[in-house]
Amino acid sequence: MKSKKARALIAEFPLERPPLFRKNFDSKHEAKHCPRCQGQFICKANRIHRCDCSNICLSFETIEYVRQLYDECLCLNCLKELEATVTSLK
């Protein structure tokens, strides 16, 4: 049980949880770390039509590049950066 002092501090300075870790977070989705940038993102691979990665059109070359280097999902920002880099090399 928390002391009166601890309860008063918590009431005065409530901790705000980051959006990824709020209790009402949809457990059907998964919080992941991007293997490229180490940033956190929500993977919705179980509902691919709602996943961020379904909102970007990657070239065949970019898809192959990502497949060769990474075993896990990448965040949308990294996918966009890689697509821009690979297409600029053509």
PDB file of N, CA and C in Angstrom:
ATOM      1  N   MET A   1       0.839  -1.173   0.000  1.00  0.00           N
ATOM      2  CA  MET A   1       0.000   0.000   0.000  1.00  0.00           C
ATOM      3  C   MET A   1       0.891   1.245   0.000  1.00  0.00           C
ATOM      4  N   LYS A   2       0.472   2.253  -0.754  1.00  0.00           N
ATOM      5  CA  LYS A   2       1.257   3.474  -0.865  1.00  0.00           C
ATOM      6  C   LYS A   2       0.978   4.395   0.306  1.00  0.00           C
ATOM      7  N   SER A   3       2.015   5.105   0.720  1.00  0.00           N
ATOM      8  CA  SER A   3       1.866   6.054   1.812  1.00  0.00           C
ATOM      9  C   SER A   3       1.108   7.285   1.325  1.00  0.00           C
ATOM     10  N   LYS A   4       0.657   8.105   2.279  1.00  0.00           N
ATOM     11  CA  LYS A   4      -0.049   9.333   1.929  1.00  0.00           C
ATOM     12  C   LYS A   4       0.850  10.246   1.102  1.00  0.00           C
ATOM     13  N   LYS A   5       2.123  10.283   1.468  1.00  0.00           N
ATOM     14  CA  LYS A   5       3.078  11.139   0.755  1.00  0.00           C
ATOM     15  C   LYS A   5       3.231  10.671  -0.697  1.00  0.00           C
ATOM     16  N   ALA A   6       3.331   9.365  -0.895  1.00  0.00           N
ATOM     17  CA  ALA A   6       3.477   8.818  -2.247  1.00  0.00           C
ATOM     18  C   ALA A   6       2.221   9.091  -3.065  1.00  0.00           C
ATOM     19  N   ARG A   7       1.048   8.897  -2.470  1.00  0.00           N
ATOM     20  CA  ARG A   7      -0.207   9.167  -3.180  1.00  0.00           C
ATOM     21  C   ARG A   7      -0.314  10.643  -3.553  1.00  0.00           C
ATOM     22  N   ALA A   8       0.117  11.520  -2.651  1.00  0.00           N
ATOM     23  CA  ALA A   8       0.066  12.955  -2.919  1.00  0.00           C
ATOM     24  C   ALA A   8       0.995  13.329  -4.074  1.00  0.00           C
ATOM     25  N   LEU A   9       2.184  12.731  -4.097  1.00  0.00           N
ATOM     26  CA  LEU A   9       3.124  13.001  -5.193  1.00  0.00           C
ATOM     27  C   LEU A   9       2.567  12.497  -6.525  1.00  0.00           C
ATOM     28  N   ILE A  10       1.984  11.314  -6.506  1.00  0.00           N
ATOM     29  CA  ILE A  10       1.414  10.755  -7.739  1.00  0.00           C
ATOM     30  C   ILE A  10       0.265  11.621  -8.233  1.00  0.00           C
ATOM     31  N   ALA A  11      -0.559  12.109  -7.316  1.00  0.00           N
ATOM     32  CA  ALA A  11      -1.680  12.975  -7.695  1.00  0.00           C
ATOM     33  C   ALA A  11      -1.182  14.301  -8.260  1.00  0.00           C
ATOM     34  N   GLU A  12      -0.098  14.827  -7.666  1.00  0.00           N
ATOM     35  CA  GLU A  12       0.436  16.109  -8.107  1.00  0.00           C
ATOM     36  C   GLU A  12       1.210  15.995  -9.420  1.00  0.00           C
ATOM     37  N   PHE A  13       1.929  14.900  -9.610  1.00  0.00           N
ATOM     38  CA  PHE A  13       2.759  14.697 -10.795  1.00  0.00           C
ATOM     39  C   PHE A  13       2.430  13.352 -11.447  1.00  0.00           C
ATOM     40  N   PRO A  14       1.262  13.250 -12.071  1.00  0.00           N
ATOM     41  CA  PRO A  14       0.919  11.956 -12.685  1.00  0.00           C
ATOM     42  C   PRO A  14       1.866  11.650 -13.842  1.00  0.00           C
ATOM     43  N   LEU A  15       2.229  10.399 -13.963  1.00  0.00           N
ATOM     44  CA  LEU A  15       3.103   9.974 -15.054  1.00  0.00           C
ATOM     45  C   LEU A  15       2.270   9.762 -16.306  1.00  0.00           C
ATOM     46  N   GLU A  16       2.643  10.415 -17.357  1.00  0.00           N
ATOM     47  CA  GLU A  16       1.948  10.237 -18.633  1.00  0.00           C
ATOM     48  C   GLU A  16       2.626   9.116 -19.381  1.00  0.00           C
ATOM     49  N   ARG A  17       1.886   8.096 -19.714  1.00  0.00           N
ATOM     50  CA  ARG A  17       2.456   6.974 -20.459  1.00  0.00           C
ATOM     51  C   ARG A  17       2.533   7.336 -21.931  1.00  0.00           C
ATOM     52  N   PRO A  18       3.593   6.906 -22.618  1.00  0.00           N
ATOM     53  CA  PRO A  18       3.656   7.123 -24.053  1.00  0.00           C
ATOM     54  C   PRO A  18       2.497   6.390 -24.730  1.00  0.00           C
ATOM     55  N   PRO A  19       2.022   6.875 -25.883  1.00  0.00           N
ATOM     56  CA  PRO A  19       0.871   6.259 -26.548  1.00  0.00           C
ATOM     57  C   PRO A  19       1.038   4.764 -26.811  1.00  0.00           C
ATOM     58  N   LEU A  20       2.251   4.303 -27.056  1.00  0.00           N
ATOM     59  CA  LEU A  20       2.443   2.889 -27.366  1.00  0.00           C
ATOM     60  C   LEU A  20       2.156   1.988 -26.182  1.00  0.00           C
ATOM     61  N   PHE A  21       2.221   2.516 -24.986  1.00  0.00           N
ATOM     62  CA  PHE A  21       2.131   1.672 -23.814  1.00  0.00           C
ATOM     63  C   PHE A  21       0.937   1.992 -22.918  1.00  0.00           C
ATOM     64  N   ARG A  22      -0.033   2.707 -23.412  1.00  0.00           N
ATOM     65  CA  ARG A  22      -1.231   2.956 -22.626  1.00  0.00           C
ATOM     66  C   ARG A  22      -1.993   1.657 -22.432  1.00  0.00           C
ATOM     67  N   LYS A  23      -2.711   1.569 -21.350  1.00  0.00           N
ATOM     68  CA  LYS A  23      -3.419   0.338 -21.034  1.00  0.00           C
ATOM     69  C   LYS A  23      -4.472  -0.016 -22.076  1.00  0.00           C
ATOM     70  N   ASN A  24      -5.055   0.969 -22.760  1.00  0.00           N
ATOM     71  CA  ASN A  24      -6.091   0.671 -23.738  1.00  0.00           C
ATOM     72  C   ASN A  24      -5.514   0.345 -25.121  1.00  0.00           C
ATOM     73  N   PHE A  25      -4.234   0.129 -25.197  1.00  0.00           N
ATOM     74  CA  PHE A  25      -3.569  -0.244 -26.440  1.00  0.00           C
ATOM     75  C   PHE A  25      -4.165  -1.544 -26.976  1.00  0.00           C
ATOM     76  N   ASP A  26      -4.461  -1.590 -28.246  1.00  0.00           N
ATOM     77  CA  ASP A  26      -5.067  -2.765 -28.869  1.00  0.00           C
ATOM     78  C   ASP A  26      -4.074  -3.920 -28.842  1.00  0.00           C
ATOM     79  N   SER A  27      -4.373  -4.936 -28.069  1.00  0.00           N
ATOM     80  CA  SER A  27      -3.440  -6.057 -27.899  1.00  0.00           C
ATOM     81  C   SER A  27      -3.290  -6.881 -29.168  1.00  0.00           C
ATOM     82  N   LYS A  28      -4.114  -6.618 -30.175  1.00  0.00           N
ATOM     83  CA  LYS A  28      -3.986  -7.355 -31.431  1.00  0.00           C
ATOM     84  C   LYS A  28      -2.802  -6.844 -32.240  1.00  0.00           C
ATOM     85  N   HIS A  29      -2.314  -5.675 -31.903  1.00  0.00           N
ATOM     86  CA  HIS A  29      -1.162  -5.096 -32.573  1.00  0.00           C
ATOM     87  C   HIS A  29       0.049  -5.246 -31.663  1.00  0.00           C
ATOM     88  N   GLU A  30       1.218  -5.065 -32.242  1.00  0.00           N
ATOM     89  CA  GLU A  30       2.438  -5.311 -31.485  1.00  0.00           C
ATOM     90  C   GLU A  30       3.353  -4.096 -31.527  1.00  0.00           C
ATOM     91  N   ALA A  31       3.807  -3.659 -30.365  1.00  0.00           N
ATOM     92  CA  ALA A  31       4.808  -2.593 -30.297  1.00  0.00           C
ATOM     93  C   ALA A  31       6.156  -3.223 -30.609  1.00  0.00           C
ATOM     94  N   LYS A  32       6.852  -2.658 -31.589  1.00  0.00           N
ATOM     95  CA  LYS A  32       8.138  -3.212 -32.015  1.00  0.00           C
ATOM     96  C   LYS A  32       9.183  -2.108 -32.076  1.00  0.00           C
ATOM     97  N   HIS A  33      10.439  -2.539 -32.132  1.00  0.00           N
ATOM     98  CA  HIS A  33      11.557  -1.633 -32.395  1.00  0.00           C
ATOM     99  C   HIS A  33      12.012  -1.882 -33.822  1.00  0.00           C
ATOM    100  N   CYS A  34      12.168  -0.823 -34.568  1.00  0.00           N
ATOM    101  CA  CYS A  34      12.660  -0.933 -35.938  1.00  0.00           C
ATOM    102  C   CYS A  34      14.127  -1.374 -35.884  1.00  0.00           C
ATOM    103  N   PRO A  35      14.486  -2.437 -36.599  1.00  0.00           N
ATOM    104  CA  PRO A  35      15.873  -2.899 -36.559  1.00  0.00           C
ATOM    105  C   PRO A  35      16.851  -1.934 -37.236  1.00  0.00           C
ATOM    106  N   ARG A  36      16.336  -1.010 -38.027  1.00  0.00           N
ATOM    107  CA  ARG A  36      17.216  -0.064 -38.728  1.00  0.00           C
ATOM    108  C   ARG A  36      17.498   1.182 -37.896  1.00  0.00           C
ATOM    109  N   CYS A  37      16.445   1.798 -37.331  1.00  0.00           N
ATOM    110  CA  CYS A  37      16.628   3.060 -36.597  1.00  0.00           C
ATOM    111  C   CYS A  37      16.441   2.906 -35.087  1.00  0.00           C
ATOM    112  N   GLN A  38      16.008   1.752 -34.643  1.00  0.00           N
ATOM    113  CA  GLN A  38      15.742   1.445 -33.233  1.00  0.00           C
ATOM    114  C   GLN A  38      14.540   2.197 -32.666  1.00  0.00           C
ATOM    115  N   GLY A  39      13.798   2.891 -33.527  1.00  0.00           N
ATOM    116  CA  GLY A  39      12.606   3.598 -33.068  1.00  0.00           C
ATOM    117  C   GLY A  39      11.457   2.626 -32.824  1.00  0.00           C
ATOM    118  N   GLN A  40      10.514   3.040 -31.988  1.00  0.00           N
ATOM    119  CA  GLN A  40       9.356   2.207 -31.720  1.00  0.00           C
ATOM    120  C   GLN A  40       8.237   2.521 -32.688  1.00  0.00           C
ATOM    121  N   PHE A  41       7.492   1.485 -33.061  1.00  0.00           N
ATOM    122  CA  PHE A  41       6.326   1.663 -33.917  1.00  0.00           C
ATOM    123  C   PHE A  41       5.345   0.538 -33.643  1.00  0.00           C
ATOM    124  N   ILE A  42       4.144   0.698 -34.143  1.00  0.00           N
ATOM    125  CA  ILE A  42       3.112  -0.311 -33.970  1.00  0.00           C
ATOM    126  C   ILE A  42       3.033  -1.143 -35.237  1.00  0.00           C
ATOM    127  N   CYS A  43       3.242  -2.446 -35.078  1.00  0.00           N
ATOM    128  CA  CYS A  43       3.145  -3.383 -36.201  1.00  0.00           C
ATOM    129  C   CYS A  43       1.738  -3.959 -36.216  1.00  0.00           C
ATOM    130  N   LYS A  44       1.076  -3.829 -37.343  1.00  0.00           N
ATOM    131  CA  LYS A  44      -0.286  -4.358 -37.491  1.00  0.00           C
ATOM    132  C   LYS A  44      -0.308  -5.436 -38.555  1.00  0.00           C
ATOM    133  N   ALA A  45       0.716  -6.265 -38.576  1.00  0.00           N
ATOM    134  CA  ALA A  45       0.808  -7.304 -39.600  1.00  0.00           C
ATOM    135  C   ALA A  45      -0.362  -8.276 -39.543  1.00  0.00           C
ATOM    136  N   ASN A  46      -0.982  -8.404 -38.371  1.00  0.00           N
ATOM    137  CA  ASN A  46      -2.146  -9.275 -38.268  1.00  0.00           C
ATOM    138  C   ASN A  46      -3.385  -8.652 -38.907  1.00  0.00           C
ATOM    139  N   ARG A  47      -3.319  -7.372 -39.195  1.00  0.00           N
ATOM    140  CA  ARG A  47      -4.374  -6.652 -39.929  1.00  0.00           C
ATOM    141  C   ARG A  47      -3.683  -5.787 -40.966  1.00  0.00           C
ATOM    142  N   ILE A  48      -3.135  -6.447 -41.957  1.00  0.00           N
ATOM    143  CA  ILE A  48      -2.250  -5.782 -42.921  1.00  0.00           C
ATOM    144  C   ILE A  48      -2.910  -4.593 -43.610  1.00  0.00           C
ATOM    145  N   HIS A  49      -4.213  -4.616 -43.796  1.00  0.00           N
ATOM    146  CA  HIS A  49      -4.892  -3.489 -44.434  1.00  0.00           C
ATOM    147  C   HIS A  49      -4.864  -2.228 -43.570  1.00  0.00           C
ATOM    148  N   ARG A  50      -4.566  -2.374 -42.273  1.00  0.00           N
ATOM    149  CA  ARG A  50      -4.480  -1.232 -41.369  1.00  0.00           C
ATOM    150  C   ARG A  50      -3.039  -0.869 -41.031  1.00  0.00           C
ATOM    151  N   CYS A  51      -2.096  -1.652 -41.526  1.00  0.00           N
ATOM    152  CA  CYS A  51      -0.692  -1.439 -41.189  1.00  0.00           C
ATOM    153  C   CYS A  51      -0.110  -0.278 -42.004  1.00  0.00           C
ATOM    154  N   ASP A  52       0.800   0.471 -41.395  1.00  0.00           N
ATOM    155  CA  ASP A  52       1.442   1.595 -42.078  1.00  0.00           C
ATOM    156  C   ASP A  52       2.176   1.152 -43.341  1.00  0.00           C
ATOM    157  N   CYS A  53       2.750  -0.041 -43.309  1.00  0.00           N
ATOM    158  CA  CYS A  53       3.542  -0.480 -44.458  1.00  0.00           C
ATOM    159  C   CYS A  53       2.678  -0.734 -45.694  1.00  0.00           C
ATOM    160  N   SER A  54       1.371  -0.861 -45.512  1.00  0.00           N
ATOM    161  CA  SER A  54       0.502  -1.043 -46.676  1.00  0.00           C
ATOM    162  C   SER A  54       0.206   0.294 -47.366  1.00  0.00           C
ATOM    163  N   ASN A  55       0.655   1.393 -46.762  1.00  0.00           N
ATOM    164  CA  ASN A  55       0.430   2.729 -47.330  1.00  0.00           C
ATOM    165  C   ASN A  55       1.596   3.233 -48.168  1.00  0.00           C
ATOM    166  N   ILE A  56       2.565   2.379 -48.425  1.00  0.00           N
ATOM    167  CA  ILE A  56       3.714   2.781 -49.226  1.00  0.00           C
ATOM    168  C   ILE A  56       3.925   1.756 -50.328  1.00  0.00           C
ATOM    169  N   CYS A  57       4.246   2.257 -51.493  1.00  0.00           N
ATOM    170  CA  CYS A  57       4.508   1.377 -52.631  1.00  0.00           C
ATOM    171  C   CYS A  57       6.029   1.274 -52.806  1.00  0.00           C
ATOM    172  N   LEU A  58       6.562   0.099 -52.522  1.00  0.00           N
ATOM    173  CA  LEU A  58       8.007  -0.108 -52.629  1.00  0.00           C
ATOM    174  C   LEU A  58       8.353  -0.765 -53.950  1.00  0.00           C
ATOM    175  N   SER A  59       9.457  -0.362 -54.522  1.00  0.00           N
ATOM    176  CA  SER A  59       9.935  -0.977 -55.752  1.00  0.00           C
ATOM    177  C   SER A  59      10.423  -2.394 -55.461  1.00  0.00           C
ATOM    178  N   PHE A  60      10.506  -3.200 -56.479  1.00  0.00           N
ATOM    179  CA  PHE A  60      11.008  -4.566 -56.335  1.00  0.00           C
ATOM    180  C   PHE A  60      12.415  -4.547 -55.744  1.00  0.00           C
ATOM    181  N   GLU A  61      13.244  -3.613 -56.189  1.00  0.00           N
ATOM    182  CA  GLU A  61      14.621  -3.521 -55.695  1.00  0.00           C
ATOM    183  C   GLU A  61      14.671  -3.218 -54.196  1.00  0.00           C
ATOM    184  N   THR A  62      13.791  -2.329 -53.747  1.00  0.00           N
ATOM    185  CA  THR A  62      13.752  -1.990 -52.325  1.00  0.00           C
ATOM    186  C   THR A  62      13.283  -3.183 -51.497  1.00  0.00           C
ATOM    187  N   ILE A  63      12.269  -3.870 -51.976  1.00  0.00           N
ATOM    188  CA  ILE A  63      11.770  -5.050 -51.261  1.00  0.00           C
ATOM    189  C   ILE A  63      12.872  -6.092 -51.130  1.00  0.00           C
ATOM    190  N   GLU A  64      13.602  -6.342 -52.193  1.00  0.00           N
ATOM    191  CA  GLU A  64      14.691  -7.323 -52.141  1.00  0.00           C
ATOM    192  C   GLU A  64      15.809  -6.864 -51.204  1.00  0.00           C
ATOM    193  N   TYR A  65      16.119  -5.590 -51.234  1.00  0.00           N
ATOM    194  CA  TYR A  65      17.149  -5.032 -50.354  1.00  0.00           C
ATOM    195  C   TYR A  65      16.755  -5.231 -48.893  1.00  0.00           C
ATOM    196  N   VAL A  66      15.508  -4.904 -48.558  1.00  0.00           N
ATOM    197  CA  VAL A  66      15.021  -5.051 -47.185  1.00  0.00           C
ATOM    198  C   VAL A  66      15.026  -6.523 -46.776  1.00  0.00           C
ATOM    199  N   ARG A  67      14.590  -7.390 -47.657  1.00  0.00           N
ATOM    200  CA  ARG A  67      14.572  -8.829 -47.354  1.00  0.00           C
ATOM    201  C   ARG A  67      15.964  -9.377 -47.063  1.00  0.00           C
ATOM    202  N   GLN A  68      16.951  -8.879 -47.764  1.00  0.00           N
ATOM    203  CA  GLN A  68      18.319  -9.371 -47.568  1.00  0.00           C
ATOM    204  C   GLN A  68      18.929  -8.889 -46.254  1.00  0.00           C
ATOM    205  N   LEU A  69      18.544  -7.706 -45.809  1.00  0.00           N
ATOM    206  CA  LEU A  69      19.181  -7.118 -44.623  1.00  0.00           C
ATOM    207  C   LEU A  69      18.428  -7.306 -43.312  1.00  0.00           C
ATOM    208  N   TYR A  70      17.121  -7.450 -43.372  1.00  0.00           N
ATOM    209  CA  TYR A  70      16.325  -7.442 -42.144  1.00  0.00           C
ATOM    210  C   TYR A  70      15.370  -8.630 -42.093  1.00  0.00           C
ATOM    211  N   ASP A  71      15.215  -9.166 -40.886  1.00  0.00           N
ATOM    212  CA  ASP A  71      14.281 -10.267 -40.666  1.00  0.00           C
ATOM    213  C   ASP A  71      12.968  -9.793 -40.059  1.00  0.00           C
ATOM    214  N   GLU A  72      12.940  -8.574 -39.588  1.00  0.00           N
ATOM    215  CA  GLU A  72      11.762  -8.022 -38.909  1.00  0.00           C
ATOM    216  C   GLU A  72      11.189  -6.854 -39.701  1.00  0.00           C
ATOM    217  N   CYS A  73      10.007  -6.407 -39.288  1.00  0.00           N
ATOM    218  CA  CYS A  73       9.364  -5.248 -39.909  1.00  0.00           C
ATOM    219  C   CYS A  73      10.178  -3.982 -39.651  1.00  0.00           C
ATOM    220  N   LEU A  74      10.128  -3.064 -40.592  1.00  0.00           N
ATOM    221  CA  LEU A  74      10.752  -1.756 -40.440  1.00  0.00           C
ATOM    222  C   LEU A  74       9.655  -0.712 -40.275  1.00  0.00           C
ATOM    223  N   CYS A  75       9.992   0.388 -39.631  1.00  0.00           N
ATOM    224  CA  CYS A  75       9.016   1.467 -39.462  1.00  0.00           C
ATOM    225  C   CYS A  75       8.782   2.154 -40.811  1.00  0.00           C
ATOM    226  N   LEU A  76       7.693   2.883 -40.889  1.00  0.00           N
ATOM    227  CA  LEU A  76       7.314   3.550 -42.129  1.00  0.00           C
ATOM    228  C   LEU A  76       8.376   4.554 -42.574  1.00  0.00           C
ATOM    229  N   ASN A  77       8.953   5.304 -41.646  1.00  0.00           N
ATOM    230  CA  ASN A  77       9.983   6.284 -42.010  1.00  0.00           C
ATOM    231  C   ASN A  77      11.183   5.622 -42.664  1.00  0.00           C
ATOM    232  N   CYS A  78      11.618   4.481 -42.108  1.00  0.00           N
ATOM    233  CA  CYS A  78      12.762   3.781 -42.694  1.00  0.00           C
ATOM    234  C   CYS A  78      12.420   3.214 -44.063  1.00  0.00           C
ATOM    235  N   LEU A  79      11.209   2.701 -44.219  1.00  0.00           N
ATOM    236  CA  LEU A  79      10.795   2.193 -45.532  1.00  0.00           C
ATOM    237  C   LEU A  79      10.814   3.316 -46.569  1.00  0.00           C
ATOM    238  N   LYS A  80      10.313   4.485 -46.183  1.00  0.00           N
ATOM    239  CA  LYS A  80      10.319   5.638 -47.099  1.00  0.00           C
ATOM    240  C   LYS A  80      11.747   6.059 -47.443  1.00  0.00           C
ATOM    241  N   GLU A  81      12.616   6.105 -46.444  1.00  0.00           N
ATOM    242  CA  GLU A  81      14.013   6.488 -46.681  1.00  0.00           C
ATOM    243  C   GLU A  81      14.713   5.494 -47.595  1.00  0.00           C
ATOM    244  N   LEU A  82      14.498   4.210 -47.347  1.00  0.00           N
ATOM    245  CA  LEU A  82      15.129   3.187 -48.192  1.00  0.00           C
ATOM    246  C   LEU A  82      14.599   3.241 -49.616  1.00  0.00           C
ATOM    247  N   GLU A  83      13.316   3.455 -49.780  1.00  0.00           N
ATOM    248  CA  GLU A  83      12.743   3.568 -51.124  1.00  0.00           C
ATOM    249  C   GLU A  83      13.352   4.756 -51.858  1.00  0.00           C
ATOM    250  N   ALA A  84      13.491   5.872 -51.187  1.00  0.00           N
ATOM    251  CA  ALA A  84      14.089   7.062 -51.808  1.00  0.00           C
ATOM    252  C   ALA A  84      15.550   6.797 -52.176  1.00  0.00           C
ATOM    253  N   THR A  85      16.275   6.133 -51.304  1.00  0.00           N
ATOM    254  CA  THR A  85      17.689   5.851 -51.556  1.00  0.00           C
ATOM    255  C   THR A  85      17.851   4.887 -52.729  1.00  0.00           C
ATOM    256  N   VAL A  86      17.104   3.807 -52.719  1.00  0.00           N
ATOM    257  CA  VAL A  86      17.227   2.799 -53.768  1.00  0.00           C
ATOM    258  C   VAL A  86      16.781   3.363 -55.117  1.00  0.00           C
ATOM    259  N   THR A  87      15.701   4.110 -55.153  1.00  0.00           N
ATOM    260  CA  THR A  87      15.248   4.655 -56.433  1.00  0.00           C
ATOM    261  C   THR A  87      16.184   5.741 -56.950  1.00  0.00           C
ATOM    262  N   SER A  88      16.879   6.441 -56.043  1.00  0.00           N
ATOM    263  CA  SER A  88      17.829   7.476 -56.502  1.00  0.00           C
ATOM    264  C   SER A  88      19.081   6.842 -57.116  1.00  0.00           C
ATOM    265  N   LEU A  89      19.337   5.574 -56.815  1.00  0.00           N
ATOM    266  CA  LEU A  89      20.514   4.887 -57.366  1.00  0.00           C
ATOM    267  C   LEU A  89      20.265   4.295 -58.752  1.00  0.00           C
ATOM    268  N   LYS A  90      19.019   4.306 -59.174  1.00  0.00           N
ATOM    269  CA  LYS A  90      18.681   3.726 -60.497  1.00  0.00           C
ATOM    270  C   LYS A  90      19.213   4.565 -61.629  1.00  0.00           C
TER     271      LYS A  90
END
